[in-house]
Each structure stands twice: as C-alpha cells, then as structure tokens.
Amino acid sequence: MDARGLACPLPLALARRKMAELDPGELLVVLATDPESPIDIAAWASDEGHSLEQRARAGYIEFRLVKA
C-alpha cells in the first residue's frame, strides 16, 4: 500500500483499513514518508499483535506487517 506523501494519521488509518481485509498470516507492505509513521505504525502493530519489520529506503520507509 503506497502512503507516500500522506501526513499523519493517514498512513496508519489506511494500514488499519487494509489489514482488516487480510487473513491471519498475510503480509501487508506499507510505504510511507511521514516522519511520525514509524512511531504510529509500530505502536499499533504492537497493540494488535502484528509482526513488523521496517526498512529505510531512498526517501521513504517500508513497513512489512504480518497479520496476527
């Protein structure tokens, strides 16, 4: 899901909406440029029990979430 260029809280809101459509064990990749997204997405993933990996890319952050 490409959330680059969107400001907080949109990357998190869109990730939540998309994750709700997935089955447990499925992967969601989120691309974001918002500087608050690592904090917001990490806290939400932890609260929901989703696994999370994040990687800095050229100009954005890639989040790889596996649904709990």
C-alpha atoms as a PDB file:
ATOM      1  CA  MET A   1       0.000   0.000   0.000  1.00  0.00           C
ATOM      2  CA  ASP A   2       1.537   3.307  -1.047  1.00  0.00           C
ATOM      3  CA  ALA A   3       1.005   6.041   1.558  1.00  0.00           C
ATOM      4  CA  ARG A   4       3.954   8.168   0.457  1.00  0.00           C
ATOM      5  CA  GLY A   5       3.193  11.867   0.615  1.00  0.00           C
ATOM      6  CA  LEU A   6       0.350  11.436   3.097  1.00  0.00           C
ATOM      7  CA  ALA A   7       0.529  13.096   6.505  1.00  0.00           C
ATOM      8  CA  CYS A   8      -0.281  11.590   9.882  1.00  0.00           C
ATOM      9  CA  PRO A   9      -2.679   9.947  10.650  1.00  0.00           C
ATOM     10  CA  LEU A  10      -3.480   8.815   7.104  1.00  0.00           C
ATOM     11  CA  PRO A  11      -0.725   6.172   6.683  1.00  0.00           C
ATOM     12  CA  LEU A  12      -1.859   4.460   9.894  1.00  0.00           C
ATOM     13  CA  ALA A  13      -5.565   4.783   9.075  1.00  0.00           C
ATOM     14  CA  LEU A  14      -5.072   3.278   5.629  1.00  0.00           C
ATOM     15  CA  ALA A  15      -2.905   0.461   7.007  1.00  0.00           C
ATOM     16  CA  ARG A  16      -5.571  -0.376   9.599  1.00  0.00           C
ATOM     17  CA  ARG A  17      -8.282  -0.465   6.940  1.00  0.00           C
ATOM     18  CA  LYS A  18      -6.236  -2.651   4.592  1.00  0.00           C
ATOM     19  CA  MET A  19      -5.113  -5.002   7.413  1.00  0.00           C
ATOM     20  CA  ALA A  20      -8.774  -5.589   8.349  1.00  0.00           C
ATOM     21  CA  GLU A  21      -9.280  -7.117   4.884  1.00  0.00           C
ATOM     22  CA  LEU A  22      -6.475  -9.666   5.322  1.00  0.00           C
ATOM     23  CA  ASP A  23      -6.485 -13.116   6.877  1.00  0.00           C
ATOM     24  CA  PRO A  24      -4.119 -14.009   9.738  1.00  0.00           C
ATOM     25  CA  GLY A  25      -0.623 -14.676   8.430  1.00  0.00           C
ATOM     26  CA  GLU A  26      -0.997 -12.497   5.343  1.00  0.00           C
ATOM     27  CA  LEU A  27       1.534  -9.778   4.578  1.00  0.00           C
ATOM     28  CA  LEU A  28       0.857  -6.057   4.147  1.00  0.00           C
ATOM     29  CA  VAL A  29       3.611  -3.805   2.815  1.00  0.00           C
ATOM     30  CA  VAL A  30       3.189  -0.103   3.556  1.00  0.00           C
ATOM     31  CA  LEU A  31       5.332   2.641   2.015  1.00  0.00           C
ATOM     32  CA  ALA A  32       5.313   5.950   3.908  1.00  0.00           C
ATOM     33  CA  THR A  33       7.199   9.233   4.031  1.00  0.00           C
ATOM     34  CA  ASP A  34       5.531  10.735   7.111  1.00  0.00           C
ATOM     35  CA  PRO A  35       8.148  11.080   9.890  1.00  0.00           C
ATOM     36  CA  GLU A  36       5.605  10.027  12.540  1.00  0.00           C
ATOM     37  CA  SER A  37       4.646   6.802  10.746  1.00  0.00           C
ATOM     38  CA  PRO A  38       7.359   4.625  12.366  1.00  0.00           C
ATOM     39  CA  ILE A  39       6.073   5.563  15.822  1.00  0.00           C
ATOM     40  CA  ASP A  40       2.386   5.257  14.942  1.00  0.00           C
ATOM     41  CA  ILE A  41       2.605   2.024  12.955  1.00  0.00           C
ATOM     42  CA  ALA A  42       4.944   0.332  15.448  1.00  0.00           C
ATOM     43  CA  ALA A  43       2.672   1.160  18.400  1.00  0.00           C
ATOM     44  CA  TRP A  44      -0.436  -0.019  16.561  1.00  0.00           C
ATOM     45  CA  ALA A  45       1.230  -3.246  15.362  1.00  0.00           C
ATOM     46  CA  SER A  46       2.403  -4.000  18.887  1.00  0.00           C
ATOM     47  CA  ASP A  47      -1.057  -3.369  20.367  1.00  0.00           C
ATOM     48  CA  GLU A  48      -2.697  -5.629  17.758  1.00  0.00           C
ATOM     49  CA  GLY A  49      -0.032  -8.359  17.901  1.00  0.00           C
ATOM     50  CA  HIS A  50       1.046  -7.978  14.258  1.00  0.00           C
ATOM     51  CA  SER A  51       4.688  -8.635  13.445  1.00  0.00           C
ATOM     52  CA  LEU A  52       6.540  -5.674  11.974  1.00  0.00           C
ATOM     53  CA  GLU A  53       9.769  -5.086  10.088  1.00  0.00           C
ATOM     54  CA  GLN A  54      10.700  -1.646   8.849  1.00  0.00           C
ATOM     55  CA  ARG A  55      13.412  -0.615   6.435  1.00  0.00           C
ATOM     56  CA  ALA A  56      14.652   2.790   5.413  1.00  0.00           C
ATOM     57  CA  ARG A  57      14.559   3.215   1.662  1.00  0.00           C
ATOM     58  CA  ALA A  58      15.599   6.129  -0.527  1.00  0.00           C
ATOM     59  CA  GLY A  59      13.186   8.835   0.617  1.00  0.00           C
ATOM     60  CA  TYR A  60      10.620   6.622   2.379  1.00  0.00           C
ATOM     61  CA  ILE A  61      10.156   3.829   4.907  1.00  0.00           C
ATOM     62  CA  GLU A  62       8.937   0.343   4.014  1.00  0.00           C
ATOM     63  CA  PHE A  63       6.867  -1.436   6.657  1.00  0.00           C
ATOM     64  CA  ARG A  64       6.271  -5.179   6.351  1.00  0.00           C
ATOM     65  CA  LEU A  65       3.400  -6.277   8.588  1.00  0.00           C
ATOM     66  CA  VAL A  66       2.141  -9.831   9.054  1.00  0.00           C
ATOM     67  CA  LYS A  67      -1.376 -10.013  10.433  1.00  0.00           C
ATOM     68  CA  ALA A  68      -1.761 -11.705  13.809  1.00  0.00           C
END
